C-alpha atoms as a PDB file:
ATOM      1  CA  MET A   1      62.549  50.480  -3.491  1.00  0.00           C
ATOM      2  CA  PRO A   2      63.221  48.101  -6.424  1.00  0.00           C
ATOM      3  CA  VAL A   3      64.656  44.695  -5.549  1.00  0.00           C
ATOM      4  CA  ARG A   4      67.713  45.177  -7.763  1.00  0.00           C
ATOM      5  CA  THR A   5      68.512  48.392  -5.896  1.00  0.00           C
ATOM      6  CA  LEU A   6      68.296  46.569  -2.567  1.00  0.00           C
ATOM      7  CA  ARG A   7      70.644  43.826  -3.755  1.00  0.00           C
ATOM      8  CA  LEU A   8      73.151  46.340  -5.105  1.00  0.00           C
ATOM      9  CA  LEU A   9      73.058  48.289  -1.844  1.00  0.00           C
ATOM     10  CA  LEU A  10      73.750  45.053   0.061  1.00  0.00           C
ATOM     11  CA  ILE A  11      76.763  44.274  -2.125  1.00  0.00           C
ATOM     12  CA  GLN A  12      78.065  47.802  -1.644  1.00  0.00           C
ATOM     13  CA  ALA A  13      77.412  47.646   2.108  1.00  0.00           C
ATOM     14  CA  LEU A  14      79.608  44.539   2.346  1.00  0.00           C
ATOM     15  CA  LEU A  15      82.227  45.451  -0.231  1.00  0.00           C
ATOM     16  CA  ILE A  16      82.887  49.191   0.073  1.00  0.00           C
ATOM     17  CA  PRO A  17      83.657  49.261   3.835  1.00  0.00           C
ATOM     18  CA  ALA A  18      86.131  46.415   3.361  1.00  0.00           C
ATOM     19  CA  LEU A  19      87.831  48.249   0.500  1.00  0.00           C
ATOM     20  CA  LEU A  20      88.003  51.484   2.492  1.00  0.00           C
ATOM     21  CA  LEU A  21      89.273  49.694   5.577  1.00  0.00           C
ATOM     22  CA  ALA A  22      91.951  47.977   3.536  1.00  0.00           C
ATOM     23  CA  ALA A  23      92.930  51.268   1.914  1.00  0.00           C
ATOM     24  CA  GLY A  24      93.181  52.856   5.343  1.00  0.00           C
ATOM     25  CA  CYS A  25      95.568  50.144   6.460  1.00  0.00           C
ATOM     26  CA  ALA A  26      97.837  50.605   3.455  1.00  0.00           C
ATOM     27  CA  SER A  27     100.124  52.903   5.406  1.00  0.00           C
ATOM     28  CA  LEU A  28     100.636  50.420   8.237  1.00  0.00           C
ATOM     29  CA  PRO A  29     104.074  48.811   8.493  1.00  0.00           C
ATOM     30  CA  ALA A  30     104.087  45.704   6.337  1.00  0.00           C
ATOM     31  CA  ALA A  31     104.522  42.574   8.411  1.00  0.00           C
ATOM     32  CA  LYS A  32     106.580  39.759   7.009  1.00  0.00           C
ATOM     33  CA  GLY A  33     104.198  37.476   5.212  1.00  0.00           C
ATOM     34  CA  ASP A  34     102.581  36.772   1.868  1.00  0.00           C
ATOM     35  CA  PRO A  35     103.131  39.827  -0.380  1.00  0.00           C
ATOM     36  CA  ARG A  36      99.731  39.199  -1.974  1.00  0.00           C
ATOM     37  CA  ASP A  37      98.062  39.769   1.398  1.00  0.00           C
ATOM     38  CA  ARG A  38      98.958  43.341   2.336  1.00  0.00           C
ATOM     39  CA  PHE A  39      96.010  43.678   4.720  1.00  0.00           C
ATOM     40  CA  GLU A  40      96.456  40.395   6.530  1.00  0.00           C
ATOM     41  CA  ARG A  41      95.663  41.704  10.005  1.00  0.00           C
ATOM     42  CA  VAL A  42      92.312  43.099   8.899  1.00  0.00           C
ATOM     43  CA  ASN A  43      91.609  40.076   6.710  1.00  0.00           C
ATOM     44  CA  ARG A  44      92.222  37.681   9.584  1.00  0.00           C
ATOM     45  CA  ALA A  45      89.796  39.621  11.783  1.00  0.00           C
ATOM     46  CA  VAL A  46      87.117  39.427   9.077  1.00  0.00           C
ATOM     47  CA  PHE A  47      87.872  35.724   8.586  1.00  0.00           C
ATOM     48  CA  SER A  48      87.293  35.095  12.297  1.00  0.00           C
ATOM     49  CA  PHE A  49      83.987  36.945  12.063  1.00  0.00           C
ATOM     50  CA  ASN A  50      82.946  34.868   9.050  1.00  0.00           C
ATOM     51  CA  GLN A  51      83.989  31.661  10.796  1.00  0.00           C
ATOM     52  CA  GLY A  52      81.769  32.566  13.728  1.00  0.00           C
ATOM     53  CA  LEU A  53      78.795  33.093  11.432  1.00  0.00           C
ATOM     54  CA  ASP A  54      79.527  29.826   9.692  1.00  0.00           C
ATOM     55  CA  ARG A  55      79.932  27.851  12.898  1.00  0.00           C
ATOM     56  CA  HIS A  56      76.726  29.118  14.494  1.00  0.00           C
ATOM     57  CA  ILE A  57      74.462  29.624  11.469  1.00  0.00           C
ATOM     58  CA  ALA A  58      75.598  28.506   8.019  1.00  0.00           C
ATOM     59  CA  ARG A  59      77.027  25.087   8.868  1.00  0.00           C
ATOM     60  CA  PRO A  60      74.113  23.926  11.069  1.00  0.00           C
ATOM     61  CA  VAL A  61      71.590  25.087   8.456  1.00  0.00           C
ATOM     62  CA  ALA A  62      73.504  23.273   5.697  1.00  0.00           C
ATOM     63  CA  LYS A  63      73.682  20.074   7.749  1.00  0.00           C
ATOM     64  CA  ALA A  64      69.960  20.228   8.436  1.00  0.00           C
ATOM     65  CA  TYR A  65      69.280  20.812   4.735  1.00  0.00           C
ATOM     66  CA  VAL A  66      71.295  17.729   3.790  1.00  0.00           C
ATOM     67  CA  ALA A  67      69.639  15.671   6.513  1.00  0.00           C
ATOM     68  CA  VAL A  68      66.048  16.388   5.443  1.00  0.00           C
ATOM     69  CA  THR A  69      66.440  16.809   1.679  1.00  0.00           C
ATOM     70  CA  PRO A  70      66.995  13.792  -0.621  1.00  0.00           C
ATOM     71  CA  ALA A  71      70.076  13.935  -2.828  1.00  0.00           C
ATOM     72  CA  PRO A  72      68.093  14.120  -6.118  1.00  0.00           C
ATOM     73  CA  VAL A  73      66.174  17.121  -4.810  1.00  0.00           C
ATOM     74  CA  ARG A  74      69.397  18.841  -3.719  1.00  0.00           C
ATOM     75  CA  ALA A  75      70.855  18.186  -7.176  1.00  0.00           C
ATOM     76  CA  GLY A  76      67.780  19.685  -8.814  1.00  0.00           C
ATOM     77  CA  VAL A  77      67.972  22.798  -6.642  1.00  0.00           C
ATOM     78  CA  SER A  78      71.677  23.202  -7.426  1.00  0.00           C
ATOM     79  CA  ASN A  79      71.044  22.752 -11.162  1.00  0.00           C
ATOM     80  CA  PHE A  80      68.183  25.262 -11.143  1.00  0.00           C
ATOM     81  CA  LEU A  81      70.178  27.941  -9.331  1.00  0.00           C
ATOM     82  CA  ALA A  82      73.218  27.440 -11.576  1.00  0.00           C
ATOM     83  CA  ASN A  83      71.050  27.683 -14.680  1.00  0.00           C
ATOM     84  CA  LEU A  84      69.359  30.824 -13.365  1.00  0.00           C
ATOM     85  CA  SER A  85      72.715  32.584 -13.015  1.00  0.00           C
ATOM     86  CA  TYR A  86      74.190  31.233 -16.248  1.00  0.00           C
ATOM     87  CA  PRO A  87      73.680  34.491 -18.213  1.00  0.00           C
ATOM     88  CA  VAL A  88      76.551  35.885 -16.126  1.00  0.00           C
ATOM     89  CA  VAL A  89      78.828  33.249 -17.663  1.00  0.00           C
ATOM     90  CA  ILE A  90      77.579  33.896 -21.193  1.00  0.00           C
ATOM     91  CA  VAL A  91      77.927  37.687 -20.994  1.00  0.00           C
ATOM     92  CA  ASN A  92      81.489  37.413 -19.700  1.00  0.00           C
ATOM     93  CA  GLU A  93      82.450  34.944 -22.421  1.00  0.00           C
ATOM     94  CA  LEU A  94      81.298  37.550 -24.925  1.00  0.00           C
ATOM     95  CA  LEU A  95      83.307  40.248 -23.134  1.00  0.00           C
ATOM     96  CA  GLN A  96      86.361  37.974 -23.179  1.00  0.00           C
ATOM     97  CA  ALA A  97      86.039  37.437 -26.945  1.00  0.00           C
ATOM     98  CA  LYS A  98      85.432  33.680 -26.655  1.00  0.00           C
ATOM     99  CA  PRO A  99      82.955  33.026 -29.477  1.00  0.00           C
ATOM    100  CA  VAL A 100      82.965  29.218 -29.331  1.00  0.00           C
ATOM    101  CA  PRO A 101      82.326  28.933 -25.558  1.00  0.00           C
ATOM    102  CA  PHE A 102      79.773  31.745 -25.904  1.00  0.00           C
ATOM    103  CA  ALA A 103      77.843  29.807 -28.552  1.00  0.00           C
ATOM    104  CA  LYS A 104      78.043  26.495 -26.680  1.00  0.00           C
ATOM    105  CA  ASP A 105      76.977  27.974 -23.354  1.00  0.00           C
ATOM    106  CA  THR A 106      74.117  29.859 -24.981  1.00  0.00           C
ATOM    107  CA  ALA A 107      72.947  26.504 -26.356  1.00  0.00           C
ATOM    108  CA  ARG A 108      73.454  24.954 -22.923  1.00  0.00           C
ATOM    109  CA  LEU A 109      71.232  27.586 -21.322  1.00  0.00           C
ATOM    110  CA  VAL A 110      68.503  27.075 -23.912  1.00  0.00           C
ATOM    111  CA  VAL A 111      68.578  23.270 -23.620  1.00  0.00           C
ATOM    112  CA  ASN A 112      68.532  23.188 -19.840  1.00  0.00           C
ATOM    113  CA  THR A 113      65.873  25.884 -19.582  1.00  0.00           C
ATOM    114  CA  THR A 114      63.532  24.076 -21.985  1.00  0.00           C
ATOM    115  CA  VAL A 115      64.240  20.336 -22.010  1.00  0.00           C
ATOM    116  CA  GLY A 116      65.670  20.525 -18.484  1.00  0.00           C
ATOM    117  CA  ILE A 117      62.473  22.121 -17.133  1.00  0.00           C
ATOM    118  CA  GLY A 118      63.863  25.460 -16.029  1.00  0.00           C
ATOM    119  CA  GLY A 119      67.241  23.986 -15.217  1.00  0.00           C
ATOM    120  CA  LEU A 120      66.100  21.389 -12.697  1.00  0.00           C
ATOM    121  CA  PHE A 121      67.795  18.776 -14.885  1.00  0.00           C
ATOM    122  CA  ASP A 122      71.008  18.959 -16.895  1.00  0.00           C
ATOM    123  CA  PRO A 123      70.445  17.299 -20.284  1.00  0.00           C
ATOM    124  CA  ALA A 124      72.949  19.701 -21.874  1.00  0.00           C
ATOM    125  CA  SER A 125      75.883  17.932 -20.215  1.00  0.00           C
ATOM    126  CA  LYS A 126      74.737  14.635 -21.705  1.00  0.00           C
ATOM    127  CA  LEU A 127      74.839  16.345 -25.118  1.00  0.00           C
ATOM    128  CA  GLY A 128      78.456  17.377 -24.562  1.00  0.00           C
ATOM    129  CA  LEU A 129      77.673  20.979 -23.589  1.00  0.00           C
ATOM    130  CA  GLU A 130      79.765  21.196 -20.446  1.00  0.00           C
ATOM    131  CA  SER A 131      79.338  24.020 -17.972  1.00  0.00           C
ATOM    132  CA  HIS A 132      81.861  26.824 -17.523  1.00  0.00           C
ATOM    133  CA  ASP A 133      82.523  29.382 -14.827  1.00  0.00           C
ATOM    134  CA  GLU A 134      83.151  32.952 -15.971  1.00  0.00           C
ATOM    135  CA  ASP A 135      82.617  36.259 -14.191  1.00  0.00           C
ATOM    136  CA  PHE A 136      83.658  39.878 -14.583  1.00  0.00           C
ATOM    137  CA  GLY A 137      86.650  39.436 -12.301  1.00  0.00           C
ATOM    138  CA  GLN A 138      87.980  36.859 -14.769  1.00  0.00           C
ATOM    139  CA  THR A 139      87.140  39.188 -17.649  1.00  0.00           C
ATOM    140  CA  LEU A 140      89.231  41.951 -16.101  1.00  0.00           C
ATOM    141  CA  GLY A 141      92.056  39.479 -15.532  1.00  0.00           C
ATOM    142  CA  ARG A 142      91.919  38.280 -19.136  1.00  0.00           C
ATOM    143  CA  TRP A 143      92.495  41.838 -20.342  1.00  0.00           C
ATOM    144  CA  GLY A 144      95.467  42.382 -18.071  1.00  0.00           C
ATOM    145  CA  VAL A 145      93.981  43.956 -14.946  1.00  0.00           C
ATOM    146  CA  PRO A 146      96.046  42.744 -11.957  1.00  0.00           C
ATOM    147  CA  PRO A 147      94.209  41.182  -9.013  1.00  0.00           C
ATOM    148  CA  GLY A 148      95.468  43.625  -6.434  1.00  0.00           C
ATOM    149  CA  PRO A 149      95.726  42.745  -2.747  1.00  0.00           C
ATOM    150  CA  TYR A 150      93.808  39.819  -1.304  1.00  0.00           C
ATOM    151  CA  LEU A 151      90.659  40.706   0.631  1.00  0.00           C
ATOM    152  CA  MET A 152      88.491  38.753   3.031  1.00  0.00           C
ATOM    153  CA  LEU A 153      85.028  40.295   2.745  1.00  0.00           C
ATOM    154  CA  PRO A 154      82.374  40.094   5.474  1.00  0.00           C
ATOM    155  CA  VAL A 155      79.876  37.293   4.715  1.00  0.00           C
ATOM    156  CA  ILE A 156      80.965  37.110   1.043  1.00  0.00           C
ATOM    157  CA  GLY A 157      84.328  35.543   1.880  1.00  0.00           C
ATOM    158  CA  PRO A 158      87.650  35.485  -0.014  1.00  0.00           C
ATOM    159  CA  SER A 159      88.207  37.948  -2.834  1.00  0.00           C
ATOM    160  CA  ASP A 160      90.669  40.546  -4.069  1.00  0.00           C
ATOM    161  CA  ILE A 161      90.330  44.115  -5.320  1.00  0.00           C
ATOM    162  CA  ARG A 162      89.696  43.053  -8.926  1.00  0.00           C
ATOM    163  CA  ASP A 163      87.171  40.355  -8.032  1.00  0.00           C
ATOM    164  CA  GLY A 164      85.438  42.625  -5.542  1.00  0.00           C
ATOM    165  CA  LEU A 165      84.761  45.181  -8.259  1.00  0.00           C
ATOM    166  CA  GLY A 166      83.781  42.339 -10.586  1.00  0.00           C
ATOM    167  CA  LYS A 167      81.068  41.250  -8.168  1.00  0.00           C
ATOM    168  CA  VAL A 168      79.417  44.655  -8.530  1.00  0.00           C
ATOM    169  CA  ALA A 169      79.501  44.413 -12.340  1.00  0.00           C
ATOM    170  CA  ASP A 170      78.108  40.864 -12.293  1.00  0.00           C
ATOM    171  CA  HIS A 171      75.162  42.151 -10.291  1.00  0.00           C
ATOM    172  CA  PHE A 172      73.838  43.785 -13.463  1.00  0.00           C
ATOM    173  CA  THR A 173      73.980  40.577 -15.535  1.00  0.00           C
ATOM    174  CA  GLU A 174      72.376  38.435 -12.831  1.00  0.00           C
ATOM    175  CA  PRO A 175      68.725  37.758 -13.788  1.00  0.00           C
ATOM    176  CA  ARG A 176      67.599  37.863 -10.160  1.00  0.00           C
ATOM    177  CA  THR A 177      68.533  41.530 -10.123  1.00  0.00           C
ATOM    178  CA  TYR A 178      65.533  42.327 -12.287  1.00  0.00           C
ATOM    179  CA  LEU A 179      62.877  40.411 -10.383  1.00  0.00           C
ATOM    180  CA  ASN A 180      60.201  42.636  -8.887  1.00  0.00           C
ATOM    181  CA  SER A 181      59.481  40.396  -5.911  1.00  0.00           C
ATOM    182  CA  THR A 182      61.626  40.953  -2.848  1.00  0.00           C
ATOM    183  CA  LEU A 183      60.429  37.694  -1.331  1.00  0.00           C
ATOM    184  CA  VAL A 184      61.392  35.643  -4.399  1.00  0.00           C
ATOM    185  CA  THR A 185      64.751  37.367  -4.770  1.00  0.00           C
ATOM    186  CA  TRP A 186      65.836  36.813  -1.192  1.00  0.00           C
ATOM    187  CA  GLY A 187      64.386  33.312  -1.234  1.00  0.00           C
ATOM    188  CA  LEU A 188      66.561  32.426  -4.223  1.00  0.00           C
ATOM    189  CA  THR A 189      69.593  34.066  -2.626  1.00  0.00           C
ATOM    190  CA  GLY A 190      69.057  32.149   0.598  1.00  0.00           C
ATOM    191  CA  ALA A 191      68.593  28.878  -1.276  1.00  0.00           C
ATOM    192  CA  GLU A 192      71.820  29.497  -3.180  1.00  0.00           C
ATOM    193  CA  LEU A 193      73.781  30.174   0.011  1.00  0.00           C
ATOM    194  CA  VAL A 194      72.464  27.044   1.690  1.00  0.00           C
ATOM    195  CA  SER A 195      73.051  24.901  -1.415  1.00  0.00           C
ATOM    196  CA  LYS A 196      76.632  26.127  -1.816  1.00  0.00           C
ATOM    197  CA  ARG A 197      77.401  25.654   1.861  1.00  0.00           C
ATOM    198  CA  ALA A 198      75.971  22.150   1.756  1.00  0.00           C
ATOM    199  CA  SER A 199      78.258  21.298  -1.165  1.00  0.00           C
ATOM    200  CA  LEU A 200      81.263  22.291   0.970  1.00  0.00           C
ATOM    201  CA  LEU A 201      80.437  20.206   4.030  1.00  0.00           C
ATOM    202  CA  ASP A 202      82.845  17.471   2.947  1.00  0.00           C
ATOM    203  CA  THR A 203      85.720  19.978   3.051  1.00  0.00           C
ATOM    204  CA  ASP A 204      85.108  20.988   6.677  1.00  0.00           C
ATOM    205  CA  ALA A 205      87.205  18.193   8.126  1.00  0.00           C
ATOM    206  CA  THR A 206      90.161  19.121   5.921  1.00  0.00           C
ATOM    207  CA  LEU A 207      89.929  22.778   6.891  1.00  0.00           C
ATOM    208  CA  ASP A 208      89.596  21.933  10.578  1.00  0.00           C
ATOM    209  CA  ARG A 209      92.795  19.843  10.418  1.00  0.00           C
ATOM    210  CA  THR A 210      94.919  22.564   8.827  1.00  0.00           C
ATOM    211  CA  PHE A 211      97.422  24.403  10.994  1.00  0.00           C
ATOM    212  CA  ASP A 212      96.328  27.806   9.638  1.00  0.00           C
ATOM    213  CA  PRO A 213      92.817  27.716   8.110  1.00  0.00           C
ATOM    214  CA  TYR A 214      93.058  31.358   7.049  1.00  0.00           C
ATOM    215  CA  ALA A 215      96.205  30.817   4.990  1.00  0.00           C
ATOM    216  CA  PHE A 216      94.761  27.589   3.571  1.00  0.00           C
ATOM    217  CA  VAL A 217      91.630  29.395   2.321  1.00  0.00           C
ATOM    218  CA  ARG A 218      93.642  32.335   0.989  1.00  0.00           C
ATOM    219  CA  ASN A 219      96.102  30.210  -0.965  1.00  0.00           C
ATOM    220  CA  ALA A 220      93.389  27.943  -2.341  1.00  0.00           C
ATOM    221  CA  TYR A 221      91.339  30.942  -3.492  1.00  0.00           C
ATOM    222  CA  LEU A 222      94.230  32.746  -5.170  1.00  0.00           C
ATOM    223  CA  GLN A 223      95.422  29.579  -6.933  1.00  0.00           C
ATOM    224  CA  ARG A 224      91.914  28.788  -8.143  1.00  0.00           C
ATOM    225  CA  ARG A 225      91.369  32.314  -9.475  1.00  0.00           C
ATOM    226  CA  GLN A 226      94.717  32.271 -11.275  1.00  0.00           C
ATOM    227  CA  PHE A 227      93.729  28.936 -12.813  1.00  0.00           C
ATOM    228  CA  GLN A 228      90.348  30.311 -13.911  1.00  0.00           C
ATOM    229  CA  VAL A 229      91.647  33.563 -15.393  1.00  0.00           C
ATOM    230  CA  TYR A 230      94.121  31.670 -17.600  1.00  0.00           C
ATOM    231  CA  ASP A 231      91.682  28.862 -18.451  1.00  0.00           C
ATOM    232  CA  GLY A 232      93.744  26.216 -16.720  1.00  0.00           C
ATOM    233  CA  ASP A 233      97.097  27.293 -18.176  1.00  0.00           C
ATOM    234  CA  PRO A 234      98.545  30.002 -15.887  1.00  0.00           C
ATOM    235  CA  PRO A 235     101.992  31.392 -16.689  1.00  0.00           C
ATOM    236  CA  GLU A 236     104.942  30.199 -14.703  1.00  0.00           C
ATOM    237  CA  GLU A 237     105.817  32.501 -11.836  1.00  0.00           C
ATOM    238  CA  ALA A 238     109.111  34.325 -12.079  1.00  0.00           C
ATOM    239  CA  PRO A 239     111.704  33.043  -9.590  1.00  0.00           C
ATOM    240  CA  SER A 240     112.169  35.133  -6.456  1.00  0.00           C
ATOM    241  CA  GLU A 241     115.362  37.062  -5.707  1.00  0.00           C
ATOM    242  CA  ASP A 242     116.356  34.410  -3.178  1.00  0.00           C
ATOM    243  CA  GLU A 243     116.000  31.687  -5.802  1.00  0.00           C
ATOM    244  CA  ASP A 244     118.024  33.752  -8.288  1.00  0.00           C
ATOM    245  CA  SER A 245     120.791  34.251  -5.743  1.00  0.00           C
ATOM    246  CA  SER A 246     120.957  30.560  -4.903  1.00  0.00           C
ATOM    247  CA  ALA A 247     121.016  29.659  -8.582  1.00  0.00           C
ATOM    248  CA  ASP A 248     123.889  32.073  -9.327  1.00  0.00           C
ATOM    249  CA  SER A 249     126.002  31.152  -6.308  1.00  0.00           C
ATOM    250  CA  PRO A 250     128.694  28.513  -6.843  1.00  0.00           C
ATOM    251  CA  GLN A 251     127.856  25.082  -5.489  1.00  0.00           C
ATOM    252  CA  THR A 252     130.302  23.653  -2.990  1.00  0.00           C
ATOM    253  CA  PRO A 253     131.091  19.961  -3.299  1.00  0.00           C
END
């Protein structure tokens, strides 16, 4: 079986059951809570499962990686993996009709792949070609597709309906999809997971101190995605009915 087929099947195996489970819970009585999180009971269960995996596997592996790997090497690995996936950014800039970022990021990819020795180094940033973060979920959002309910996906983590579908589309613009070596593909995927988890170790203490880690992660994710979709300039949210009522009511001295 081709490697790209295996990777797509894995994405579907993680994503589709979560979507179906959420859809099946749509008829449940809505508990009072965040209206963006219609499937909170299911999401919290998945979050607990993910936290268990992180506590027993991902976090210890990331700590060991940081302990035995010098910082310059970790930076090189991170740069290489980011450069390898950068076509996803470029394709989505084209789909979002952003010609200037598309041209600059194409140049960034070329510079880092050649002068930067396959992306191990980042000379493009020194030339003023800053990195960007675009994906198909953002592309859908740019063209008016609403995010839909928040989802906590097994292993993958926080998402929503729009971003979940976007992950499937991004699979086809990810260069690793077209590698013919299963060993190399999963090796790169594992290295990416470890590198990303290592970069988040400094946030563990903050998350551990929060009263409700689930809500903290959810709110941070949704705010970040809103920020990304609107390129740092999200529209102001309309006031709620309660705010309207308080604004219209006469003020007593």
